[in-house]
Amino acid sequence: MRTFVAIDLPAHVKSEIFHEVENLRKQGYLVGTFTAKDNFHLTLKFLGDVPEEKIEEIKKKLSEIKFKKFSAKIGKIGFFPNENFIKIIWVGFDSAEVEKIQKMIEEKLKEFPSAFEKFSSHITLVRVKGTKKRKELKEHLDKINFRKLDFEVGEFVLMKSEVRQEGPTYKVLEKYNLE
């Protein structure tokens, strides 16, 4: 079972991000796979394909994590690997606390190799296959501003991912409330 640990975003945050992504899609600056509105999240740890018999053990370890609720906000738009060769367009997830909880999760589940060379707090918006007007794309992205998207993080989740032809679907396997 393909699984990961994440922070799911509140509906109003997903809606605001989706609005900007739809505006970007309509401009026709790029060809790519746009993240579905319901799939916006912050991956804290990708576990990969996990045998079903290990899921209960993972749930137990994650339930041992004690962490206080914290404030977060959506930040600036960025690119992987860089703005001259765009393969992924993302938006930053700004919070001093997110790296702390990510490290706790990493430690609890250290038998699963990290998918990150270094953790980068971001939400994937588009997996880019090609750009048509890179200069115009960059100008459009520079104008996107999520200043008012502050919210409280009150939980993290263990998610199951099913890859389908029309794109991935995610299902929450377990929620972990923060104090």
N, C-alpha and C. Protein backbone atom coordinates (compact mmCIF):
# COMPACT_ATOMS: atom_id res chain seq x y z
N MET A 1 0.86 -1.17 0.00
CA MET A 1 0.00 0.00 0.00
C MET A 1 0.91 1.24 0.00
N ARG A 2 0.72 2.12 -0.96
CA ARG A 2 1.52 3.33 -1.10
C ARG A 2 1.04 4.35 -0.07
N THR A 3 1.93 4.76 0.85
CA THR A 3 1.51 5.62 1.95
C THR A 3 2.48 6.78 2.19
N PHE A 4 1.95 7.79 2.88
CA PHE A 4 2.76 8.93 3.29
C PHE A 4 2.10 9.61 4.48
N VAL A 5 2.89 10.41 5.19
CA VAL A 5 2.40 11.19 6.32
C VAL A 5 2.36 12.64 5.85
N ALA A 6 1.25 13.34 6.16
CA ALA A 6 1.08 14.69 5.62
C ALA A 6 0.28 15.58 6.55
N ILE A 7 0.32 16.86 6.21
CA ILE A 7 -0.61 17.82 6.78
C ILE A 7 -1.60 18.12 5.67
N ASP A 8 -2.85 17.79 5.93
CA ASP A 8 -3.90 18.10 4.98
C ASP A 8 -4.27 19.58 5.20
N LEU A 9 -4.65 20.24 4.15
CA LEU A 9 -4.94 21.68 4.25
C LEU A 9 -6.42 21.92 4.47
N PRO A 10 -6.76 23.00 5.18
CA PRO A 10 -8.17 23.36 5.34
C PRO A 10 -8.82 23.65 3.98
N ALA A 11 -10.12 23.44 3.89
CA ALA A 11 -10.85 23.62 2.63
C ALA A 11 -10.67 25.03 2.05
N HIS A 12 -10.71 26.07 2.89
CA HIS A 12 -10.58 27.43 2.36
C HIS A 12 -9.19 27.68 1.76
N VAL A 13 -8.17 27.04 2.31
CA VAL A 13 -6.81 27.18 1.77
C VAL A 13 -6.72 26.45 0.43
N LYS A 14 -7.26 25.25 0.38
CA LYS A 14 -7.28 24.50 -0.89
C LYS A 14 -8.01 25.28 -1.98
N SER A 15 -9.12 25.92 -1.61
CA SER A 15 -9.89 26.69 -2.59
C SER A 15 -9.10 27.87 -3.14
N GLU A 16 -8.41 28.59 -2.26
CA GLU A 16 -7.61 29.74 -2.71
C GLU A 16 -6.47 29.29 -3.63
N ILE A 17 -5.78 28.23 -3.24
CA ILE A 17 -4.69 27.72 -4.08
C ILE A 17 -5.25 27.26 -5.42
N PHE A 18 -6.35 26.53 -5.37
CA PHE A 18 -6.96 26.00 -6.60
C PHE A 18 -7.36 27.14 -7.55
N HIS A 19 -7.89 28.22 -7.01
CA HIS A 19 -8.27 29.37 -7.82
C HIS A 19 -7.05 29.88 -8.61
N GLU A 20 -5.93 30.02 -7.95
CA GLU A 20 -4.71 30.49 -8.63
C GLU A 20 -4.20 29.47 -9.64
N VAL A 21 -4.28 28.20 -9.30
CA VAL A 21 -3.82 27.14 -10.22
C VAL A 21 -4.72 27.11 -11.46
N GLU A 22 -6.03 27.29 -11.28
CA GLU A 22 -6.94 27.33 -12.43
C GLU A 22 -6.65 28.53 -13.32
N ASN A 23 -6.35 29.69 -12.73
CA ASN A 23 -5.96 30.86 -13.52
C ASN A 23 -4.71 30.56 -14.32
N LEU A 24 -3.76 29.88 -13.71
CA LEU A 24 -2.53 29.51 -14.40
C LEU A 24 -2.82 28.55 -15.55
N ARG A 25 -3.66 27.57 -15.31
CA ARG A 25 -4.00 26.58 -16.34
C ARG A 25 -4.62 27.28 -17.56
N LYS A 26 -5.51 28.23 -17.31
CA LYS A 26 -6.20 28.93 -18.40
C LYS A 26 -5.27 29.76 -19.27
N GLN A 27 -4.13 30.20 -18.71
CA GLN A 27 -3.19 31.03 -19.46
C GLN A 27 -2.48 30.26 -20.57
N GLY A 28 -2.35 28.95 -20.41
CA GLY A 28 -1.73 28.13 -21.45
C GLY A 28 -0.22 28.28 -21.55
N TYR A 29 0.44 28.69 -20.48
CA TYR A 29 1.89 28.86 -20.49
C TYR A 29 2.66 27.55 -20.42
N LEU A 30 1.97 26.51 -20.00
CA LEU A 30 2.68 25.25 -19.80
C LEU A 30 1.77 24.05 -20.06
N VAL A 31 2.43 22.92 -20.23
CA VAL A 31 1.75 21.63 -20.31
C VAL A 31 2.22 20.85 -19.10
N GLY A 32 1.29 20.24 -18.39
CA GLY A 32 1.69 19.50 -17.21
C GLY A 32 0.51 18.86 -16.51
N THR A 33 0.80 18.26 -15.39
CA THR A 33 -0.22 17.63 -14.56
C THR A 33 -0.49 18.56 -13.38
N PHE A 34 -1.71 19.07 -13.34
CA PHE A 34 -2.10 20.01 -12.29
C PHE A 34 -2.68 19.22 -11.12
N THR A 35 -2.23 19.55 -9.92
CA THR A 35 -2.73 18.87 -8.73
C THR A 35 -4.21 19.17 -8.55
N ALA A 36 -4.98 18.12 -8.29
CA ALA A 36 -6.42 18.28 -8.05
C ALA A 36 -6.63 19.02 -6.72
N LYS A 37 -7.69 19.80 -6.65
CA LYS A 37 -7.99 20.61 -5.47
C LYS A 37 -7.97 19.79 -4.18
N ASP A 38 -8.60 18.64 -4.18
CA ASP A 38 -8.68 17.83 -2.96
C ASP A 38 -7.34 17.21 -2.57
N ASN A 39 -6.37 17.23 -3.48
CA ASN A 39 -5.09 16.58 -3.22
C ASN A 39 -4.00 17.50 -2.68
N PHE A 40 -4.28 18.78 -2.51
CA PHE A 40 -3.26 19.68 -1.96
C PHE A 40 -2.96 19.28 -0.52
N HIS A 41 -1.68 19.09 -0.23
CA HIS A 41 -1.23 18.71 1.11
C HIS A 41 0.26 18.99 1.23
N LEU A 42 0.76 18.91 2.43
CA LEU A 42 2.20 19.01 2.69
C LEU A 42 2.69 17.63 3.12
N THR A 43 3.52 17.01 2.31
CA THR A 43 4.08 15.71 2.67
C THR A 43 5.17 15.90 3.73
N LEU A 44 5.01 15.22 4.85
CA LEU A 44 6.01 15.25 5.91
C LEU A 44 6.98 14.08 5.80
N LYS A 45 6.47 12.93 5.35
CA LYS A 45 7.31 11.76 5.12
C LYS A 45 6.62 10.83 4.15
N PHE A 46 7.31 10.51 3.07
CA PHE A 46 6.81 9.54 2.10
C PHE A 46 7.32 8.17 2.52
N LEU A 47 6.41 7.23 2.70
CA LEU A 47 6.79 5.89 3.15
C LEU A 47 6.93 4.90 1.99
N GLY A 48 6.28 5.18 0.88
CA GLY A 48 6.34 4.29 -0.27
C GLY A 48 5.37 3.14 -0.13
N ASP A 49 5.70 2.04 -0.79
CA ASP A 49 4.85 0.85 -0.74
C ASP A 49 5.11 0.10 0.56
N VAL A 50 4.10 0.06 1.40
CA VAL A 50 4.20 -0.55 2.72
C VAL A 50 3.28 -1.77 2.76
N PRO A 51 3.78 -2.93 3.21
CA PRO A 51 2.90 -4.09 3.36
C PRO A 51 1.77 -3.78 4.36
N GLU A 52 0.58 -4.26 4.06
CA GLU A 52 -0.58 -3.96 4.92
C GLU A 52 -0.36 -4.36 6.37
N GLU A 53 0.41 -5.42 6.60
CA GLU A 53 0.64 -5.86 7.98
C GLU A 53 1.50 -4.88 8.78
N LYS A 54 2.19 -3.94 8.12
CA LYS A 54 3.00 -2.93 8.82
C LYS A 54 2.21 -1.67 9.17
N ILE A 55 1.03 -1.51 8.61
CA ILE A 55 0.26 -0.28 8.79
C ILE A 55 -0.10 -0.05 10.26
N GLU A 56 -0.52 -1.07 10.97
CA GLU A 56 -0.88 -0.90 12.39
C GLU A 56 0.32 -0.47 13.22
N GLU A 57 1.48 -1.01 12.92
CA GLU A 57 2.71 -0.62 13.62
C GLU A 57 3.03 0.86 13.36
N ILE A 58 2.86 1.29 12.12
CA ILE A 58 3.09 2.70 11.76
C ILE A 58 2.09 3.59 12.50
N LYS A 59 0.82 3.20 12.51
CA LYS A 59 -0.20 3.98 13.22
C LYS A 59 0.15 4.13 14.69
N LYS A 60 0.62 3.05 15.31
CA LYS A 60 0.97 3.08 16.73
C LYS A 60 2.13 4.05 16.96
N LYS A 61 3.16 3.98 16.14
CA LYS A 61 4.32 4.87 16.30
C LYS A 61 3.92 6.33 16.12
N LEU A 62 3.09 6.60 15.14
CA LEU A 62 2.66 7.98 14.91
C LEU A 62 1.79 8.50 16.05
N SER A 63 1.02 7.61 16.67
CA SER A 63 0.16 8.03 17.78
C SER A 63 0.97 8.45 19.01
N GLU A 64 2.24 8.06 19.07
CA GLU A 64 3.10 8.42 20.19
C GLU A 64 3.63 9.85 20.09
N ILE A 65 3.46 10.47 18.94
CA ILE A 65 3.97 11.83 18.74
C ILE A 65 3.05 12.82 19.44
N LYS A 66 3.64 13.62 20.30
CA LYS A 66 2.91 14.68 21.01
C LYS A 66 3.46 16.02 20.54
N PHE A 67 2.57 16.85 20.05
CA PHE A 67 2.99 18.13 19.50
C PHE A 67 1.83 19.12 19.65
N LYS A 68 2.15 20.36 19.87
CA LYS A 68 1.12 21.39 20.03
C LYS A 68 0.64 21.90 18.67
N LYS A 69 -0.63 22.32 18.63
CA LYS A 69 -1.15 22.96 17.43
C LYS A 69 -0.27 24.15 17.10
N PHE A 70 -0.19 24.50 15.82
CA PHE A 70 0.65 25.63 15.45
C PHE A 70 0.06 26.38 14.25
N SER A 71 0.53 27.60 14.09
CA SER A 71 0.08 28.45 12.99
C SER A 71 0.97 28.24 11.78
N ALA A 72 0.35 28.34 10.62
CA ALA A 72 1.09 28.21 9.35
C ALA A 72 0.47 29.16 8.34
N LYS A 73 1.18 29.37 7.28
CA LYS A 73 0.63 30.16 6.18
C LYS A 73 1.25 29.69 4.88
N ILE A 74 0.56 30.00 3.83
CA ILE A 74 1.05 29.67 2.50
C ILE A 74 1.95 30.81 2.06
N GLY A 75 3.10 30.46 1.50
CA GLY A 75 4.09 31.47 1.17
C GLY A 75 4.26 31.74 -0.31
N LYS A 76 5.49 31.79 -0.73
CA LYS A 76 5.83 32.16 -2.09
C LYS A 76 5.81 30.95 -3.03
N ILE A 77 5.65 31.25 -4.29
CA ILE A 77 5.73 30.24 -5.35
C ILE A 77 7.21 29.93 -5.61
N GLY A 78 7.51 28.67 -5.87
CA GLY A 78 8.88 28.25 -6.18
C GLY A 78 8.89 27.19 -7.25
N PHE A 79 10.09 26.74 -7.59
CA PHE A 79 10.27 25.79 -8.68
C PHE A 79 11.32 24.74 -8.31
N PHE A 80 11.15 23.55 -8.83
CA PHE A 80 12.19 22.52 -8.78
C PHE A 80 12.52 22.16 -10.22
N PRO A 81 13.73 21.99 -10.63
CA PRO A 81 14.93 22.27 -9.84
C PRO A 81 15.27 23.76 -9.75
N ASN A 82 14.89 24.56 -10.78
CA ASN A 82 15.11 26.01 -10.71
C ASN A 82 14.24 26.71 -11.75
N GLU A 83 14.22 28.03 -11.75
CA GLU A 83 13.31 28.77 -12.64
C GLU A 83 13.70 28.70 -14.11
N ASN A 84 14.91 28.27 -14.42
CA ASN A 84 15.32 28.12 -15.82
C ASN A 84 14.98 26.74 -16.38
N PHE A 85 14.74 25.78 -15.50
CA PHE A 85 14.37 24.43 -15.92
C PHE A 85 13.28 23.95 -14.95
N ILE A 86 12.06 24.37 -15.23
CA ILE A 86 10.96 24.11 -14.31
C ILE A 86 10.35 22.74 -14.55
N LYS A 87 10.42 21.89 -13.53
CA LYS A 87 9.78 20.57 -13.58
C LYS A 87 8.60 20.50 -12.61
N ILE A 88 8.70 21.25 -11.52
CA ILE A 88 7.61 21.29 -10.55
C ILE A 88 7.42 22.73 -10.11
N ILE A 89 6.16 23.16 -10.07
CA ILE A 89 5.81 24.46 -9.50
C ILE A 89 5.15 24.17 -8.16
N TRP A 90 5.60 24.85 -7.13
CA TRP A 90 5.11 24.61 -5.79
C TRP A 90 4.87 25.93 -5.06
N VAL A 91 4.18 25.82 -3.94
CA VAL A 91 4.00 26.98 -3.06
C VAL A 91 4.54 26.58 -1.69
N GLY A 92 5.23 27.51 -1.07
CA GLY A 92 5.83 27.24 0.23
C GLY A 92 4.81 27.14 1.35
N PHE A 93 5.14 26.35 2.34
CA PHE A 93 4.35 26.17 3.54
C PHE A 93 5.19 26.75 4.66
N ASP A 94 4.80 27.93 5.15
CA ASP A 94 5.63 28.65 6.10
C ASP A 94 5.18 28.42 7.54
N SER A 95 6.07 27.82 8.32
CA SER A 95 5.86 27.65 9.75
C SER A 95 7.17 27.18 10.36
N ALA A 96 7.55 27.80 11.45
CA ALA A 96 8.77 27.38 12.15
C ALA A 96 8.58 25.98 12.75
N GLU A 97 7.35 25.60 13.03
CA GLU A 97 7.08 24.34 13.71
C GLU A 97 7.07 23.13 12.78
N VAL A 98 6.85 23.35 11.50
CA VAL A 98 6.67 22.21 10.60
C VAL A 98 7.93 21.35 10.51
N GLU A 99 9.09 21.97 10.53
CA GLU A 99 10.33 21.17 10.48
C GLU A 99 10.51 20.36 11.75
N LYS A 100 10.06 20.89 12.87
CA LYS A 100 10.17 20.15 14.14
C LYS A 100 9.30 18.90 14.12
N ILE A 101 8.05 19.03 13.68
CA ILE A 101 7.18 17.85 13.65
C ILE A 101 7.65 16.88 12.57
N GLN A 102 8.17 17.39 11.47
CA GLN A 102 8.69 16.51 10.41
C GLN A 102 9.85 15.68 10.94
N LYS A 103 10.73 16.28 11.73
CA LYS A 103 11.87 15.54 12.29
C LYS A 103 11.40 14.48 13.28
N MET A 104 10.35 14.79 14.06
CA MET A 104 9.81 13.81 15.00
C MET A 104 9.25 12.60 14.24
N ILE A 105 8.54 12.87 13.16
CA ILE A 105 7.97 11.79 12.35
C ILE A 105 9.09 10.99 11.70
N GLU A 106 10.08 11.68 11.18
CA GLU A 106 11.24 11.02 10.58
C GLU A 106 11.90 10.08 11.58
N GLU A 107 12.07 10.54 12.81
CA GLU A 107 12.70 9.73 13.85
C GLU A 107 11.85 8.51 14.20
N LYS A 108 10.54 8.69 14.34
CA LYS A 108 9.65 7.57 14.69
C LYS A 108 9.62 6.51 13.61
N LEU A 109 9.78 6.94 12.36
CA LEU A 109 9.67 6.01 11.22
C LEU A 109 10.99 5.89 10.47
N LYS A 110 12.09 5.84 11.23
CA LYS A 110 13.41 5.86 10.59
C LYS A 110 13.72 4.59 9.81
N GLU A 111 12.95 3.54 10.00
CA GLU A 111 13.20 2.33 9.19
C GLU A 111 12.79 2.52 7.73
N PHE A 112 12.05 3.60 7.47
CA PHE A 112 11.68 3.94 6.10
C PHE A 112 12.64 5.01 5.61
N PRO A 113 13.44 4.71 4.59
CA PRO A 113 14.42 5.70 4.10
C PRO A 113 13.72 7.00 3.70
N SER A 114 14.40 8.10 3.98
CA SER A 114 13.82 9.40 3.64
C SER A 114 13.80 9.61 2.14
N ALA A 115 12.68 10.14 1.66
CA ALA A 115 12.55 10.47 0.24
C ALA A 115 13.18 11.83 -0.04
N PHE A 116 13.52 12.57 1.02
CA PHE A 116 14.08 13.91 0.88
C PHE A 116 15.57 13.89 1.15
N GLU A 117 16.33 14.55 0.30
CA GLU A 117 17.74 14.78 0.63
C GLU A 117 17.77 15.76 1.80
N LYS A 118 16.97 16.80 1.67
CA LYS A 118 16.74 17.76 2.75
C LYS A 118 15.26 18.11 2.67
N PHE A 119 14.59 18.12 3.79
CA PHE A 119 13.17 18.43 3.81
C PHE A 119 12.92 19.83 3.27
N SER A 120 11.96 19.94 2.36
CA SER A 120 11.57 21.22 1.79
C SER A 120 10.07 21.37 1.97
N SER A 121 9.68 22.32 2.76
CA SER A 121 8.28 22.51 3.13
C SER A 121 7.51 23.17 1.98
N HIS A 122 6.84 22.34 1.18
CA HIS A 122 6.15 22.87 0.01
C HIS A 122 4.93 22.03 -0.36
N ILE A 123 4.06 22.64 -1.15
CA ILE A 123 2.86 21.98 -1.67
C ILE A 123 2.98 21.98 -3.19
N THR A 124 2.96 20.81 -3.80
CA THR A 124 3.10 20.72 -5.26
C THR A 124 1.83 21.20 -5.94
N LEU A 125 1.99 22.11 -6.90
CA LEU A 125 0.87 22.65 -7.67
C LEU A 125 0.78 22.02 -9.05
N VAL A 126 1.94 21.93 -9.74
CA VAL A 126 1.96 21.43 -11.11
C VAL A 126 3.25 20.65 -11.34
N ARG A 127 3.12 19.49 -11.99
CA ARG A 127 4.28 18.75 -12.50
C ARG A 127 4.37 19.12 -13.97
N VAL A 128 5.41 19.87 -14.31
CA VAL A 128 5.52 20.48 -15.63
C VAL A 128 6.16 19.51 -16.62
N LYS A 129 5.49 19.37 -17.77
CA LYS A 129 6.04 18.55 -18.86
C LYS A 129 6.73 19.43 -19.90
N GLY A 130 6.26 20.66 -20.01
CA GLY A 130 6.88 21.60 -20.94
C GLY A 130 6.30 22.99 -20.78
N THR A 131 7.09 24.01 -21.11
CA THR A 131 6.62 25.38 -21.04
C THR A 131 6.56 25.96 -22.44
N LYS A 132 5.56 26.79 -22.68
CA LYS A 132 5.39 27.43 -23.98
C LYS A 132 5.93 28.85 -23.98
N LYS A 133 5.68 29.55 -22.89
CA LYS A 133 6.09 30.96 -22.76
C LYS A 133 6.69 31.13 -21.38
N ARG A 134 7.96 30.75 -21.23
CA ARG A 134 8.59 30.74 -19.91
C ARG A 134 8.62 32.13 -19.28
N LYS A 135 8.92 33.16 -20.05
CA LYS A 135 8.99 34.52 -19.49
C LYS A 135 7.62 34.93 -18.95
N GLU A 136 6.56 34.71 -19.73
CA GLU A 136 5.21 35.07 -19.30
C GLU A 136 4.77 34.22 -18.11
N LEU A 137 5.15 32.96 -18.12
CA LEU A 137 4.85 32.07 -17.00
C LEU A 137 5.48 32.61 -15.72
N LYS A 138 6.75 32.94 -15.77
CA LYS A 138 7.46 33.46 -14.60
C LYS A 138 6.81 34.77 -14.12
N GLU A 139 6.45 35.65 -15.03
CA GLU A 139 5.80 36.91 -14.65
C GLU A 139 4.46 36.65 -13.97
N HIS A 140 3.69 35.71 -14.52
CA HIS A 140 2.40 35.35 -13.92
C HIS A 140 2.60 34.82 -12.50
N LEU A 141 3.55 33.92 -12.34
CA LEU A 141 3.79 33.30 -11.03
C LEU A 141 4.29 34.33 -10.01
N ASP A 142 5.07 35.30 -10.47
CA ASP A 142 5.58 36.34 -9.56
C ASP A 142 4.45 37.20 -8.99
N LYS A 143 3.33 37.27 -9.68
CA LYS A 143 2.20 38.10 -9.24
C LYS A 143 1.29 37.39 -8.25
N ILE A 144 1.42 36.09 -8.12
CA ILE A 144 0.56 35.34 -7.20
C ILE A 144 0.96 35.66 -5.77
N ASN A 145 -0.04 35.98 -4.95
CA ASN A 145 0.21 36.38 -3.58
C ASN A 145 -0.82 35.72 -2.66
N PHE A 146 -0.35 34.94 -1.72
CA PHE A 146 -1.22 34.24 -0.78
C PHE A 146 -1.14 34.85 0.62
N ARG A 147 -0.98 36.15 0.74
CA ARG A 147 -0.74 36.81 2.02
C ARG A 147 -1.76 36.50 3.11
N LYS A 148 -3.00 36.33 2.77
CA LYS A 148 -4.05 36.18 3.79
C LYS A 148 -4.34 34.73 4.16
N LEU A 149 -3.53 33.81 3.70
CA LEU A 149 -3.81 32.41 3.96
C LEU A 149 -3.08 31.88 5.19
N ASP A 150 -3.45 32.41 6.35
CA ASP A 150 -2.95 31.92 7.62
C ASP A 150 -3.97 30.94 8.18
N PHE A 151 -3.50 29.89 8.83
CA PHE A 151 -4.42 28.90 9.39
C PHE A 151 -3.72 28.13 10.50
N GLU A 152 -4.52 27.43 11.28
CA GLU A 152 -3.99 26.61 12.37
C GLU A 152 -3.86 25.17 11.90
N VAL A 153 -2.73 24.56 12.23
CA VAL A 153 -2.53 23.13 11.96
C VAL A 153 -2.88 22.40 13.24
N GLY A 154 -3.95 21.61 13.19
CA GLY A 154 -4.42 20.90 14.38
C GLY A 154 -4.27 19.40 14.30
N GLU A 155 -3.74 18.92 13.16
CA GLU A 155 -3.57 17.47 13.01
C GLU A 155 -2.62 17.17 11.87
N PHE A 156 -2.13 15.94 11.86
CA PHE A 156 -1.46 15.39 10.69
C PHE A 156 -2.11 14.06 10.39
N VAL A 157 -1.85 13.51 9.21
CA VAL A 157 -2.57 12.32 8.79
C VAL A 157 -1.63 11.30 8.15
N LEU A 158 -2.02 10.04 8.26
CA LEU A 158 -1.41 8.96 7.50
C LEU A 158 -2.32 8.74 6.31
N MET A 159 -1.76 8.85 5.11
CA MET A 159 -2.56 8.77 3.88
C MET A 159 -2.16 7.57 3.03
N LYS A 160 -3.14 7.10 2.31
CA LYS A 160 -2.95 6.05 1.32
C LYS A 160 -3.11 6.71 -0.05
N SER A 161 -2.24 6.38 -0.97
CA SER A 161 -2.29 6.95 -2.31
C SER A 161 -2.55 5.83 -3.32
N GLU A 162 -3.53 6.06 -4.17
CA GLU A 162 -3.80 5.13 -5.26
C GLU A 162 -3.59 5.87 -6.57
N VAL A 163 -2.66 5.37 -7.36
CA VAL A 163 -2.35 6.02 -8.64
C VAL A 163 -3.30 5.44 -9.69
N ARG A 164 -4.02 6.34 -10.33
CA ARG A 164 -4.97 5.96 -11.38
C ARG A 164 -4.64 6.74 -12.64
N GLN A 165 -5.22 6.33 -13.73
CA GLN A 165 -4.95 6.99 -15.00
C GLN A 165 -5.32 8.48 -14.95
N GLU A 166 -6.43 8.80 -14.29
CA GLU A 166 -6.87 10.19 -14.21
C GLU A 166 -6.14 10.98 -13.12
N GLY A 167 -5.22 10.35 -12.42
CA GLY A 167 -4.45 11.02 -11.38
C GLY A 167 -4.59 10.30 -10.06
N PRO A 168 -3.76 10.66 -9.08
CA PRO A 168 -3.81 9.98 -7.79
C PRO A 168 -5.04 10.35 -6.98
N THR A 169 -5.48 9.42 -6.16
CA THR A 169 -6.52 9.70 -5.17
C THR A 169 -5.94 9.35 -3.81
N TYR A 170 -6.29 10.15 -2.82
CA TYR A 170 -5.76 9.96 -1.48
C TYR A 170 -6.90 9.64 -0.52
N LYS A 171 -6.59 8.75 0.42
CA LYS A 171 -7.56 8.38 1.44
C LYS A 171 -6.85 8.45 2.79
N VAL A 172 -7.48 9.10 3.76
CA VAL A 172 -6.93 9.19 5.10
C VAL A 172 -7.10 7.83 5.79
N LEU A 173 -5.97 7.28 6.25
CA LEU A 173 -6.02 6.02 7.00
C LEU A 173 -6.16 6.29 8.50
N GLU A 174 -5.56 7.40 8.96
CA GLU A 174 -5.61 7.74 10.39
C GLU A 174 -5.30 9.22 10.55
N LYS A 175 -6.00 9.86 11.50
CA LYS A 175 -5.74 11.27 11.84
C LYS A 175 -5.09 11.31 13.22
N TYR A 176 -4.17 12.25 13.39
CA TYR A 176 -3.48 12.43 14.66
C TYR A 176 -3.64 13.87 15.10
N ASN A 177 -4.46 14.07 16.12
CA ASN A 177 -4.74 15.42 16.61
C ASN A 177 -3.54 15.95 17.39
N LEU A 178 -3.28 17.23 17.18
CA LEU A 178 -2.25 17.91 17.94
C LEU A 178 -2.88 18.51 19.19
N GLU A 179 -2.07 18.75 20.21
CA GLU A 179 -2.58 19.22 21.51
C GLU A 179 -2.88 20.70 21.50
